[in-house]
Amino acid sequence: LLGQPTYDQKFDVWSAGCVFAELFLGNVLFNGDSQLSIIMSILKILGTPKREDWPEMDIIPYFETFNLPEFPSTIREVLKNAPEEAIDLMLLMLCPSQTKRISAAEAFQHPYFKD
């Protein structure tokens, strides 16, 4: 989205986080029919990221032309039937910053998988 130039294995963690959330939701987490509508869906559920949470946002080519509206996170309301440990793991997997996002190996060490 927005012309992100680089992807690594943590990009796949984002996808796995979406699927993980969809198992609890029983539906698509981020629904949309265009790049803009998907971005808005992400923002409305995860909340608007801050620059300190997503430092690489400034290197994304189309980001400078996109004015992010302010939204609070609603993920706990959207996934009201999911356990708190699952939501915590999802938030780590769905972190907008690839450099700060949890790795797959780290995800398997999360408390959600301990019980």
PDB file of N, CA and C in Angstrom:
ATOM      1  N   LEU A   1       0.826  -1.188   0.000  1.00  0.00           N
ATOM      2  CA  LEU A   1       0.000   0.000   0.000  1.00  0.00           C
ATOM      3  C   LEU A   1       0.867   1.247   0.000  1.00  0.00           C
ATOM      4  N   LEU A   2       0.423   2.258  -0.655  1.00  0.00           N
ATOM      5  CA  LEU A   2       1.096   3.555  -0.714  1.00  0.00           C
ATOM      6  C   LEU A   2       2.490   3.473  -1.319  1.00  0.00           C
ATOM      7  N   GLY A   3       2.774   2.443  -2.116  1.00  0.00           N
ATOM      8  CA  GLY A   3       4.055   2.342  -2.797  1.00  0.00           C
ATOM      9  C   GLY A   3       5.203   1.897  -1.932  1.00  0.00           C
ATOM     10  N   GLN A   4       4.945   1.153  -0.860  1.00  0.00           N
ATOM     11  CA  GLN A   4       6.008   0.657   0.018  1.00  0.00           C
ATOM     12  C   GLN A   4       7.052  -0.061  -0.831  1.00  0.00           C
ATOM     13  N   PRO A   5       8.318   0.397  -0.813  1.00  0.00           N
ATOM     14  CA  PRO A   5       9.319  -0.157  -1.730  1.00  0.00           C
ATOM     15  C   PRO A   5       9.960  -1.463  -1.275  1.00  0.00           C
ATOM     16  N   THR A   6       9.956  -1.772   0.000  1.00  0.00           N
ATOM     17  CA  THR A   6      10.646  -2.963   0.474  1.00  0.00           C
ATOM     18  C   THR A   6       9.722  -3.838   1.309  1.00  0.00           C
ATOM     19  N   TYR A   7       9.916  -5.120   1.154  1.00  0.00           N
ATOM     20  CA  TYR A   7       9.163  -6.090   1.926  1.00  0.00           C
ATOM     21  C   TYR A   7      10.134  -7.133   2.444  1.00  0.00           C
ATOM     22  N   ASP A   8       9.886  -7.638   3.613  1.00  0.00           N
ATOM     23  CA  ASP A   8      10.677  -8.738   4.144  1.00  0.00           C
ATOM     24  C   ASP A   8       9.719  -9.755   4.740  1.00  0.00           C
ATOM     25  N   GLN A   9      10.265 -10.741   5.470  1.00  0.00           N
ATOM     26  CA  GLN A   9       9.409 -11.788   6.019  1.00  0.00           C
ATOM     27  C   GLN A   9       8.385 -11.243   7.005  1.00  0.00           C
ATOM     28  N   LYS A  10       8.641 -10.076   7.586  1.00  0.00           N
ATOM     29  CA  LYS A  10       7.662  -9.505   8.520  1.00  0.00           C
ATOM     30  C   LYS A  10       6.407  -9.010   7.793  1.00  0.00           C
ATOM     31  N   PHE A  11       6.506  -8.830   6.481  1.00  0.00           N
ATOM     32  CA  PHE A  11       5.315  -8.512   5.706  1.00  0.00           C
ATOM     33  C   PHE A  11       4.350  -9.694   5.759  1.00  0.00           C
ATOM     34  N   ASP A  12       4.905 -10.909   5.714  1.00  0.00           N
ATOM     35  CA  ASP A  12       4.070 -12.106   5.818  1.00  0.00           C
ATOM     36  C   ASP A  12       3.453 -12.243   7.203  1.00  0.00           C
ATOM     37  N   VAL A  13       4.133 -11.728   8.230  1.00  0.00           N
ATOM     38  CA  VAL A  13       3.577 -11.750   9.586  1.00  0.00           C
ATOM     39  C   VAL A  13       2.307 -10.897   9.624  1.00  0.00           C
ATOM     40  N   TRP A  14       2.310  -9.760   8.910  1.00  0.00           N
ATOM     41  CA  TRP A  14       1.096  -8.928   8.806  1.00  0.00           C
ATOM     42  C   TRP A  14      -0.045  -9.763   8.247  1.00  0.00           C
ATOM     43  N   SER A  15       0.212 -10.473   7.157  1.00  0.00           N
ATOM     44  CA  SER A  15      -0.826 -11.298   6.533  1.00  0.00           C
ATOM     45  C   SER A  15      -1.321 -12.372   7.491  1.00  0.00           C
ATOM     46  N   ALA A  16      -0.399 -13.007   8.202  1.00  0.00           N
ATOM     47  CA  ALA A  16      -0.789 -14.024   9.176  1.00  0.00           C
ATOM     48  C   ALA A  16      -1.615 -13.403  10.304  1.00  0.00           C
ATOM     49  N   GLY A  17      -1.276 -12.178  10.704  1.00  0.00           N
ATOM     50  CA  GLY A  17      -2.053 -11.470  11.724  1.00  0.00           C
ATOM     51  C   GLY A  17      -3.478 -11.211  11.264  1.00  0.00           C
ATOM     52  N   CYS A  18      -3.627 -10.881   9.987  1.00  0.00           N
ATOM     53  CA  CYS A  18      -4.970 -10.675   9.439  1.00  0.00           C
ATOM     54  C   CYS A  18      -5.769 -11.979   9.484  1.00  0.00           C
ATOM     55  N   VAL A  19      -5.164 -13.069   9.051  1.00  0.00           N
ATOM     56  CA  VAL A  19      -5.842 -14.366   9.058  1.00  0.00           C
ATOM     57  C   VAL A  19      -6.181 -14.779  10.488  1.00  0.00           C
ATOM     58  N   PHE A  20      -5.242 -14.566  11.412  1.00  0.00           N
ATOM     59  CA  PHE A  20      -5.472 -14.895  12.823  1.00  0.00           C
ATOM     60  C   PHE A  20      -6.697 -14.146  13.347  1.00  0.00           C
ATOM     61  N   ALA A  21      -6.775 -12.851  13.060  1.00  0.00           N
ATOM     62  CA  ALA A  21      -7.925 -12.051  13.496  1.00  0.00           C
ATOM     63  C   ALA A  21      -9.208 -12.532  12.836  1.00  0.00           C
ATOM     64  N   GLU A  22      -9.126 -12.904  11.572  1.00  0.00           N
ATOM     65  CA  GLU A  22     -10.312 -13.334  10.840  1.00  0.00           C
ATOM     66  C   GLU A  22     -10.873 -14.659  11.375  1.00  0.00           C
ATOM     67  N   LEU A  23     -10.011 -15.470  11.996  1.00  0.00           N
ATOM     68  CA  LEU A  23     -10.503 -16.706  12.623  1.00  0.00           C
ATOM     69  C   LEU A  23     -11.437 -16.387  13.782  1.00  0.00           C
ATOM     70  N   PHE A  24     -11.148 -15.343  14.517  1.00  0.00           N
ATOM     71  CA  PHE A  24     -12.011 -14.918  15.630  1.00  0.00           C
ATOM     72  C   PHE A  24     -13.223 -14.144  15.121  1.00  0.00           C
ATOM     73  N   LEU A  25     -13.007 -13.357  14.088  1.00  0.00           N
ATOM     74  CA  LEU A  25     -14.058 -12.495  13.561  1.00  0.00           C
ATOM     75  C   LEU A  25     -15.064 -13.263  12.699  1.00  0.00           C
ATOM     76  N   GLY A  26     -14.586 -14.257  11.979  1.00  0.00           N
ATOM     77  CA  GLY A  26     -15.445 -14.987  11.059  1.00  0.00           C
ATOM     78  C   GLY A  26     -15.724 -14.215   9.792  1.00  0.00           C
ATOM     79  N   ASN A  27     -14.888 -13.222   9.527  1.00  0.00           N
ATOM     80  CA  ASN A  27     -15.076 -12.359   8.358  1.00  0.00           C
ATOM     81  C   ASN A  27     -13.756 -11.679   8.038  1.00  0.00           C
ATOM     82  N   VAL A  28     -13.728 -10.945   6.958  1.00  0.00           N
ATOM     83  CA  VAL A  28     -12.539 -10.187   6.562  1.00  0.00           C
ATOM     84  C   VAL A  28     -12.301  -9.071   7.575  1.00  0.00           C
ATOM     85  N   LEU A  29     -11.055  -8.913   8.008  1.00  0.00           N
ATOM     86  CA  LEU A  29     -10.739  -7.879   8.985  1.00  0.00           C
ATOM     87  C   LEU A  29     -10.715  -6.498   8.350  1.00  0.00           C
ATOM     88  N   PHE A  30      -9.947  -6.344   7.286  1.00  0.00           N
ATOM     89  CA  PHE A  30      -9.816  -5.048   6.603  1.00  0.00           C
ATOM     90  C   PHE A  30     -10.487  -5.161   5.246  1.00  0.00           C
ATOM     91  N   ASN A  31     -11.713  -4.695   5.181  1.00  0.00           N
ATOM     92  CA  ASN A  31     -12.501  -4.826   3.968  1.00  0.00           C
ATOM     93  C   ASN A  31     -12.411  -3.550   3.142  1.00  0.00           C
ATOM     94  N   GLY A  32     -12.352  -3.700   1.833  1.00  0.00           N
ATOM     95  CA  GLY A  32     -12.352  -2.549   0.942  1.00  0.00           C
ATOM     96  C   GLY A  32     -12.223  -2.977  -0.504  1.00  0.00           C
ATOM     97  N   ASP A  33     -12.569  -2.074  -1.392  1.00  0.00           N
ATOM     98  CA  ASP A  33     -12.491  -2.391  -2.813  1.00  0.00           C
ATOM     99  C   ASP A  33     -11.489  -1.504  -3.554  1.00  0.00           C
ATOM    100  N   SER A  34     -10.719  -0.731  -2.810  1.00  0.00           N
ATOM    101  CA  SER A  34      -9.675   0.104  -3.396  1.00  0.00           C
ATOM    102  C   SER A  34      -8.576   0.293  -2.357  1.00  0.00           C
ATOM    103  N   GLN A  35      -7.426   0.755  -2.802  1.00  0.00           N
ATOM    104  CA  GLN A  35      -6.319   1.003  -1.882  1.00  0.00           C
ATOM    105  C   GLN A  35      -6.748   1.965  -0.775  1.00  0.00           C
ATOM    106  N   LEU A  36      -7.438   3.018  -1.139  1.00  0.00           N
ATOM    107  CA  LEU A  36      -7.877   4.013  -0.165  1.00  0.00           C
ATOM    108  C   LEU A  36      -8.864   3.426   0.839  1.00  0.00           C
ATOM    109  N   SER A  37      -9.832   2.643   0.370  1.00  0.00           N
ATOM    110  CA  SER A  37     -10.824   2.093   1.299  1.00  0.00           C
ATOM    111  C   SER A  37     -10.193   1.062   2.239  1.00  0.00           C
ATOM    112  N   ILE A  38      -9.190   0.329   1.772  1.00  0.00           N
ATOM    113  CA  ILE A  38      -8.499  -0.622   2.650  1.00  0.00           C
ATOM    114  C   ILE A  38      -7.682   0.132   3.688  1.00  0.00           C
ATOM    115  N   ILE A  39      -6.997   1.186   3.276  1.00  0.00           N
ATOM    116  CA  ILE A  39      -6.233   2.000   4.228  1.00  0.00           C
ATOM    117  C   ILE A  39      -7.164   2.581   5.288  1.00  0.00           C
ATOM    118  N   MET A  40      -8.301   3.084   4.870  1.00  0.00           N
ATOM    119  CA  MET A  40      -9.255   3.640   5.831  1.00  0.00           C
ATOM    120  C   MET A  40      -9.767   2.558   6.784  1.00  0.00           C
ATOM    121  N   SER A  41     -10.000   1.353   6.277  1.00  0.00           N
ATOM    122  CA  SER A  41     -10.438   0.249   7.121  1.00  0.00           C
ATOM    123  C   SER A  41      -9.363  -0.102   8.148  1.00  0.00           C
ATOM    124  N   ILE A  42      -8.107  -0.133   7.732  1.00  0.00           N
ATOM    125  CA  ILE A  42      -6.993  -0.403   8.649  1.00  0.00           C
ATOM    126  C   ILE A  42      -6.939   0.663   9.732  1.00  0.00           C
ATOM    127  N   LEU A  43      -7.030   1.928   9.341  1.00  0.00           N
ATOM    128  CA  LEU A  43      -6.962   3.026  10.306  1.00  0.00           C
ATOM    129  C   LEU A  43      -8.123   2.979  11.294  1.00  0.00           C
ATOM    130  N   LYS A  44      -9.318   2.659  10.809  1.00  0.00           N
ATOM    131  CA  LYS A  44     -10.489   2.633  11.684  1.00  0.00           C
ATOM    132  C   LYS A  44     -10.436   1.494  12.696  1.00  0.00           C
ATOM    133  N   ILE A  45      -9.700   0.445  12.391  1.00  0.00           N
ATOM    134  CA  ILE A  45      -9.608  -0.685  13.325  1.00  0.00           C
ATOM    135  C   ILE A  45      -8.365  -0.588  14.203  1.00  0.00           C
ATOM    136  N   LEU A  46      -7.214  -0.286  13.590  1.00  0.00           N
ATOM    137  CA  LEU A  46      -5.970  -0.232  14.364  1.00  0.00           C
ATOM    138  C   LEU A  46      -5.706   1.136  14.971  1.00  0.00           C
ATOM    139  N   GLY A  47      -6.382   2.151  14.470  1.00  0.00           N
ATOM    140  CA  GLY A  47      -6.106   3.512  14.906  1.00  0.00           C
ATOM    141  C   GLY A  47      -5.024   4.134  14.030  1.00  0.00           C
ATOM    142  N   THR A  48      -4.939   5.429  14.059  1.00  0.00           N
ATOM    143  CA  THR A  48      -3.944   6.136  13.253  1.00  0.00           C
ATOM    144  C   THR A  48      -2.575   6.015  13.909  1.00  0.00           C
ATOM    145  N   PRO A  49      -1.588   5.499  13.152  1.00  0.00           N
ATOM    146  CA  PRO A  49      -0.255   5.362  13.746  1.00  0.00           C
ATOM    147  C   PRO A  49       0.431   6.716  13.928  1.00  0.00           C
ATOM    148  N   LYS A  50       1.270   6.769  14.929  1.00  0.00           N
ATOM    149  CA  LYS A  50       2.080   7.970  15.181  1.00  0.00           C
ATOM    150  C   LYS A  50       3.444   7.765  14.535  1.00  0.00           C
ATOM    151  N   ARG A  51       4.117   8.849  14.196  1.00  0.00           N
ATOM    152  CA  ARG A  51       5.433   8.757  13.567  1.00  0.00           C
ATOM    153  C   ARG A  51       6.435   7.960  14.427  1.00  0.00           C
ATOM    154  N   GLU A  52       6.348   8.109  15.746  1.00  0.00           N
ATOM    155  CA  GLU A  52       7.280   7.364  16.611  1.00  0.00           C
ATOM    156  C   GLU A  52       6.996   5.858  16.595  1.00  0.00           C
ATOM    157  N   ASP A  53       5.759   5.477  16.255  1.00  0.00           N
ATOM    158  CA  ASP A  53       5.407   4.063  16.168  1.00  0.00           C
ATOM    159  C   ASP A  53       5.727   3.468  14.793  1.00  0.00           C
ATOM    160  N   TRP A  54       5.866   4.346  13.805  1.00  0.00           N
ATOM    161  CA  TRP A  54       6.084   3.900  12.426  1.00  0.00           C
ATOM    162  C   TRP A  54       7.097   4.831  11.762  1.00  0.00           C
ATOM    163  N   PRO A  55       8.364   4.774  12.192  1.00  0.00           N
ATOM    164  CA  PRO A  55       9.358   5.734  11.714  1.00  0.00           C
ATOM    165  C   PRO A  55       9.604   5.682  10.205  1.00  0.00           C
ATOM    166  N   GLU A  56       9.416   4.536   9.593  1.00  0.00           N
ATOM    167  CA  GLU A  56       9.679   4.439   8.153  1.00  0.00           C
ATOM    168  C   GLU A  56       8.545   4.968   7.289  1.00  0.00           C
ATOM    169  N   MET A  57       7.497   5.516   7.900  1.00  0.00           N
ATOM    170  CA  MET A  57       6.394   6.054   7.097  1.00  0.00           C
ATOM    171  C   MET A  57       6.863   7.163   6.164  1.00  0.00           C
ATOM    172  N   ASP A  58       7.914   7.871   6.543  1.00  0.00           N
ATOM    173  CA  ASP A  58       8.396   8.980   5.721  1.00  0.00           C
ATOM    174  C   ASP A  58       9.097   8.546   4.443  1.00  0.00           C
ATOM    175  N   ILE A  59       9.498   7.271   4.333  1.00  0.00           N
ATOM    176  CA  ILE A  59      10.171   6.818   3.117  1.00  0.00           C
ATOM    177  C   ILE A  59       9.220   6.129   2.137  1.00  0.00           C
ATOM    178  N   ILE A  60       7.952   6.013   2.505  1.00  0.00           N
ATOM    179  CA  ILE A  60       6.972   5.397   1.610  1.00  0.00           C
ATOM    180  C   ILE A  60       6.569   6.439   0.561  1.00  0.00           C
ATOM    181  N   PRO A  61       6.759   6.113  -0.729  1.00  0.00           N
ATOM    182  CA  PRO A  61       6.597   7.112  -1.797  1.00  0.00           C
ATOM    183  C   PRO A  61       5.302   7.908  -1.791  1.00  0.00           C
ATOM    184  N   TYR A  62       4.157   7.259  -1.647  1.00  0.00           N
ATOM    185  CA  TYR A  62       2.886   7.976  -1.756  1.00  0.00           C
ATOM    186  C   TYR A  62       2.357   8.466  -0.429  1.00  0.00           C
ATOM    187  N   PHE A  63       3.092   8.184   0.628  1.00  0.00           N
ATOM    188  CA  PHE A  63       2.616   8.556   1.956  1.00  0.00           C
ATOM    189  C   PHE A  63       2.543  10.064   2.139  1.00  0.00           C
ATOM    190  N   GLU A  64       3.507  10.776   1.577  1.00  0.00           N
ATOM    191  CA  GLU A  64       3.533  12.234   1.770  1.00  0.00           C
ATOM    192  C   GLU A  64       2.315  12.925   1.160  1.00  0.00           C
ATOM    193  N   THR A  65       1.672  12.294   0.188  1.00  0.00           N
ATOM    194  CA  THR A  65       0.481  12.891  -0.414  1.00  0.00           C
ATOM    195  C   THR A  65      -0.808  12.430   0.267  1.00  0.00           C
ATOM    196  N   PHE A  66      -0.673  11.531   1.238  1.00  0.00           N
ATOM    197  CA  PHE A  66      -1.842  10.991   1.916  1.00  0.00           C
ATOM    198  C   PHE A  66      -1.930  11.605   3.300  1.00  0.00           C
ATOM    199  N   ASN A  67      -2.985  12.319   3.561  1.00  0.00           N
ATOM    200  CA  ASN A  67      -3.201  12.953   4.860  1.00  0.00           C
ATOM    201  C   ASN A  67      -4.013  11.994   5.731  1.00  0.00           C
ATOM    202  N   LEU A  68      -3.364  11.443   6.761  1.00  0.00           N
ATOM    203  CA  LEU A  68      -4.039  10.458   7.606  1.00  0.00           C
ATOM    204  C   LEU A  68      -5.045  11.111   8.542  1.00  0.00           C
ATOM    205  N   PRO A  69      -6.289  10.696   8.476  1.00  0.00           N
ATOM    206  CA  PRO A  69      -7.264  11.171   9.469  1.00  0.00           C
ATOM    207  C   PRO A  69      -6.979  10.501  10.807  1.00  0.00           C
ATOM    208  N   GLU A  70      -7.381  11.126  11.877  1.00  0.00           N
ATOM    209  CA  GLU A  70      -7.159  10.590  13.222  1.00  0.00           C
ATOM    210  C   GLU A  70      -8.295   9.649  13.621  1.00  0.00           C
ATOM    211  N   PHE A  71      -7.920   8.410  13.911  1.00  0.00           N
ATOM    212  CA  PHE A  71      -8.878   7.421  14.403  1.00  0.00           C
ATOM    213  C   PHE A  71      -8.299   6.741  15.631  1.00  0.00           C
ATOM    214  N   PRO A  72      -9.118   6.478  16.643  1.00  0.00           N
ATOM    215  CA  PRO A  72      -8.666   5.653  17.772  1.00  0.00           C
ATOM    216  C   PRO A  72      -8.759   4.176  17.368  1.00  0.00           C
ATOM    217  N   SER A  73      -8.042   3.328  18.055  1.00  0.00           N
ATOM    218  CA  SER A  73      -8.125   1.891  17.795  1.00  0.00           C
ATOM    219  C   SER A  73      -9.483   1.356  18.248  1.00  0.00           C
ATOM    220  N   THR A  74     -10.084   0.514  17.434  1.00  0.00           N
ATOM    221  CA  THR A  74     -11.353  -0.138  17.784  1.00  0.00           C
ATOM    222  C   THR A  74     -11.216  -1.660  17.753  1.00  0.00           C
ATOM    223  N   ILE A  75      -9.976  -2.137  17.701  1.00  0.00           N
ATOM    224  CA  ILE A  75      -9.775  -3.585  17.522  1.00  0.00           C
ATOM    225  C   ILE A  75     -10.414  -4.398  18.639  1.00  0.00           C
ATOM    226  N   ARG A  76     -10.408  -3.892  19.851  1.00  0.00           N
ATOM    227  CA  ARG A  76     -11.013  -4.652  20.961  1.00  0.00           C
ATOM    228  C   ARG A  76     -12.531  -4.741  20.812  1.00  0.00           C
ATOM    229  N   GLU A  77     -13.152  -3.723  20.250  1.00  0.00           N
ATOM    230  CA  GLU A  77     -14.596  -3.777  19.996  1.00  0.00           C
ATOM    231  C   GLU A  77     -14.886  -4.698  18.813  1.00  0.00           C
ATOM    232  N   VAL A  78     -14.059  -4.612  17.778  1.00  0.00           N
ATOM    233  CA  VAL A  78     -14.261  -5.444  16.583  1.00  0.00           C
ATOM    234  C   VAL A  78     -14.087  -6.922  16.932  1.00  0.00           C
ATOM    235  N   LEU A  79     -13.097  -7.219  17.773  1.00  0.00           N
ATOM    236  CA  LEU A  79     -12.801  -8.603  18.152  1.00  0.00           C
ATOM    237  C   LEU A  79     -13.196  -8.872  19.602  1.00  0.00           C
ATOM    238  N   LYS A  80     -14.390  -8.467  19.941  1.00  0.00           N
ATOM    239  CA  LYS A  80     -14.842  -8.524  21.339  1.00  0.00           C
ATOM    240  C   LYS A  80     -14.866  -9.937  21.913  1.00  0.00           C
ATOM    241  N   ASN A  81     -14.913 -10.955  21.073  1.00  0.00           N
ATOM    242  CA  ASN A  81     -14.946 -12.331  21.568  1.00  0.00           C
ATOM    243  C   ASN A  81     -13.566 -12.977  21.637  1.00  0.00           C
ATOM    244  N   ALA A  82     -12.552 -12.259  21.232  1.00  0.00           N
ATOM    245  CA  ALA A  82     -11.190 -12.807  21.260  1.00  0.00           C
ATOM    246  C   ALA A  82     -10.569 -12.591  22.635  1.00  0.00           C
ATOM    247  N   PRO A  83      -9.780 -13.544  23.122  1.00  0.00           N
ATOM    248  CA  PRO A  83      -9.100 -13.345  24.399  1.00  0.00           C
ATOM    249  C   PRO A  83      -8.073 -12.211  24.311  1.00  0.00           C
ATOM    250  N   GLU A  84      -7.806 -11.569  25.432  1.00  0.00           N
ATOM    251  CA  GLU A  84      -6.870 -10.436  25.458  1.00  0.00           C
ATOM    252  C   GLU A  84      -5.486 -10.835  24.938  1.00  0.00           C
ATOM    253  N   GLU A  85      -5.020 -12.049  25.260  1.00  0.00           N
ATOM    254  CA  GLU A  85      -3.710 -12.496  24.772  1.00  0.00           C
ATOM    255  C   GLU A  85      -3.689 -12.575  23.249  1.00  0.00           C
ATOM    256  N   ALA A  86      -4.800 -12.976  22.647  1.00  0.00           N
ATOM    257  CA  ALA A  86      -4.887 -13.054  21.186  1.00  0.00           C
ATOM    258  C   ALA A  86      -4.846 -11.654  20.575  1.00  0.00           C
ATOM    259  N   ILE A  87      -5.570 -10.734  21.170  1.00  0.00           N
ATOM    260  CA  ILE A  87      -5.571  -9.362  20.651  1.00  0.00           C
ATOM    261  C   ILE A  87      -4.189  -8.738  20.789  1.00  0.00           C
ATOM    262  N   ASP A  88      -3.522  -8.988  21.907  1.00  0.00           N
ATOM    263  CA  ASP A  88      -2.165  -8.479  22.081  1.00  0.00           C
ATOM    264  C   ASP A  88      -1.247  -9.013  20.988  1.00  0.00           C
ATOM    265  N   LEU A  89      -1.324 -10.305  20.703  1.00  0.00           N
ATOM    266  CA  LEU A  89      -0.515 -10.889  19.643  1.00  0.00           C
ATOM    267  C   LEU A  89      -0.877 -10.292  18.285  1.00  0.00           C
ATOM    268  N   MET A  90      -2.160 -10.128  18.014  1.00  0.00           N
ATOM    269  CA  MET A  90      -2.583  -9.521  16.747  1.00  0.00           C
ATOM    270  C   MET A  90      -2.006  -8.121  16.585  1.00  0.00           C
ATOM    271  N   LEU A  91      -2.043  -7.337  17.648  1.00  0.00           N
ATOM    272  CA  LEU A  91      -1.498  -5.973  17.569  1.00  0.00           C
ATOM    273  C   LEU A  91      -0.001  -5.984  17.281  1.00  0.00           C
ATOM    274  N   LEU A  92       0.717  -6.955  17.819  1.00  0.00           N
ATOM    275  CA  LEU A  92       2.144  -7.071  17.527  1.00  0.00           C
ATOM    276  C   LEU A  92       2.376  -7.509  16.083  1.00  0.00           C
ATOM    277  N   MET A  93       1.501  -8.361  15.576  1.00  0.00           N
ATOM    278  CA  MET A  93       1.610  -8.838  14.201  1.00  0.00           C
ATOM    279  C   MET A  93       1.154  -7.783  13.196  1.00  0.00           C
ATOM    280  N   LEU A  94       0.240  -6.927  13.611  1.00  0.00           N
ATOM    281  CA  LEU A  94      -0.312  -5.905  12.727  1.00  0.00           C
ATOM    282  C   LEU A  94       0.309  -4.529  12.957  1.00  0.00           C
ATOM    283  N   CYS A  95       1.443  -4.504  13.596  1.00  0.00           N
ATOM    284  CA  CYS A  95       2.161  -3.246  13.798  1.00  0.00           C
ATOM    285  C   CYS A  95       2.494  -2.658  12.426  1.00  0.00           C
ATOM    286  N   PRO A  96       2.186  -1.384  12.172  1.00  0.00           N
ATOM    287  CA  PRO A  96       2.440  -0.809  10.848  1.00  0.00           C
ATOM    288  C   PRO A  96       3.922  -0.765  10.485  1.00  0.00           C
ATOM    289  N   SER A  97       4.791  -0.683  11.460  1.00  0.00           N
ATOM    290  CA  SER A  97       6.230  -0.621  11.212  1.00  0.00           C
ATOM    291  C   SER A  97       6.800  -2.017  11.031  1.00  0.00           C
ATOM    292  N   GLN A  98       7.363  -2.297   9.855  1.00  0.00           N
ATOM    293  CA  GLN A  98       7.980  -3.590   9.629  1.00  0.00           C
ATOM    294  C   GLN A  98       9.171  -3.794  10.567  1.00  0.00           C
ATOM    295  N   THR A  99       9.875  -2.739  10.910  1.00  0.00           N
ATOM    296  CA  THR A  99      11.041  -2.886  11.781  1.00  0.00           C
ATOM    297  C   THR A  99      10.631  -3.172  13.222  1.00  0.00           C
ATOM    298  N   LYS A 100       9.445  -2.743  13.620  1.00  0.00           N
ATOM    299  CA  LYS A 100       8.979  -2.962  14.986  1.00  0.00           C
ATOM    300  C   LYS A 100       8.017  -4.148  15.099  1.00  0.00           C
ATOM    301  N   ARG A 101       7.576  -4.688  13.967  1.00  0.00           N
ATOM    302  CA  ARG A 101       6.624  -5.797  13.968  1.00  0.00           C
ATOM    303  C   ARG A 101       7.299  -7.065  14.498  1.00  0.00           C
ATOM    304  N   ILE A 102       6.547  -7.867  15.206  1.00  0.00           N
ATOM    305  CA  ILE A 102       7.037  -9.122  15.749  1.00  0.00           C
ATOM    306  C   ILE A 102       7.401 -10.077  14.605  1.00  0.00           C
ATOM    307  N   SER A 103       8.416 -10.884  14.808  1.00  0.00           N
ATOM    308  CA  SER A 103       8.775 -11.897  13.810  1.00  0.00           C
ATOM    309  C   SER A 103       7.922 -13.145  14.048  1.00  0.00           C
ATOM    310  N   ALA A 104       7.949 -14.059  13.091  1.00  0.00           N
ATOM    311  CA  ALA A 104       7.195 -15.300  13.244  1.00  0.00           C
ATOM    312  C   ALA A 104       7.730 -16.103  14.426  1.00  0.00           C
ATOM    313  N   ALA A 105       9.051 -16.168  14.557  1.00  0.00           N
ATOM    314  CA  ALA A 105       9.646 -16.903  15.680  1.00  0.00           C
ATOM    315  C   ALA A 105       9.255 -16.278  17.012  1.00  0.00           C
ATOM    316  N   GLU A 106       9.259 -14.961  17.090  1.00  0.00           N
ATOM    317  CA  GLU A 106       8.854 -14.272  18.316  1.00  0.00           C
ATOM    318  C   GLU A 106       7.370 -14.491  18.601  1.00  0.00           C
ATOM    319  N   ALA A 107       6.560 -14.525  17.541  1.00  0.00           N
ATOM    320  CA  ALA A 107       5.122 -14.725  17.721  1.00  0.00           C
ATOM    321  C   ALA A 107       4.828 -16.069  18.385  1.00  0.00           C
ATOM    322  N   PHE A 108       5.583 -17.101  18.026  1.00  0.00           N
ATOM    323  CA  PHE A 108       5.353 -18.414  18.628  1.00  0.00           C
ATOM    324  C   PHE A 108       5.782 -18.478  20.085  1.00  0.00           C
ATOM    325  N   GLN A 109       6.519 -17.476  20.543  1.00  0.00           N
ATOM    326  CA  GLN A 109       6.920 -17.398  21.954  1.00  0.00           C
ATOM    327  C   GLN A 109       5.933 -16.555  22.770  1.00  0.00           C
ATOM    328  N   HIS A 110       4.938 -15.985  22.117  1.00  0.00           N
ATOM    329  CA  HIS A 110       3.966 -15.110  22.776  1.00  0.00           C
ATOM    330  C   HIS A 110       3.148 -15.910  23.799  1.00  0.00           C
ATOM    331  N   PRO A 111       2.743 -15.263  24.894  1.00  0.00           N
ATOM    332  CA  PRO A 111       1.916 -15.944  25.920  1.00  0.00           C
ATOM    333  C   PRO A 111       0.647 -16.603  25.386  1.00  0.00           C
ATOM    334  N   TYR A 112       0.101 -16.114  24.271  1.00  0.00           N
ATOM    335  CA  TYR A 112      -1.109 -16.742  23.703  1.00  0.00           C
ATOM    336  C   TYR A 112      -0.881 -18.228  23.451  1.00  0.00           C
ATOM    337  N   PHE A 113       0.323 -18.581  23.014  1.00  0.00           N
ATOM    338  CA  PHE A 113       0.619 -19.972  22.687  1.00  0.00           C
ATOM    339  C   PHE A 113       1.121 -20.780  23.884  1.00  0.00           C
ATOM    340  N   LYS A 114       1.250 -20.154  25.024  1.00  0.00           N
ATOM    341  CA  LYS A 114       1.757 -20.847  26.218  1.00  0.00           C
ATOM    342  C   LYS A 114       0.689 -21.682  26.905  1.00  0.00           C
ATOM    343  N   ASP A 115      -0.564 -21.271  26.790  1.00  0.00           N
ATOM    344  CA  ASP A 115      -1.638 -21.954  27.516  1.00  0.00           C
ATOM    345  C   ASP A 115      -2.259 -23.071  26.734  1.00  0.00           C
TER     346      ASP A 115
END
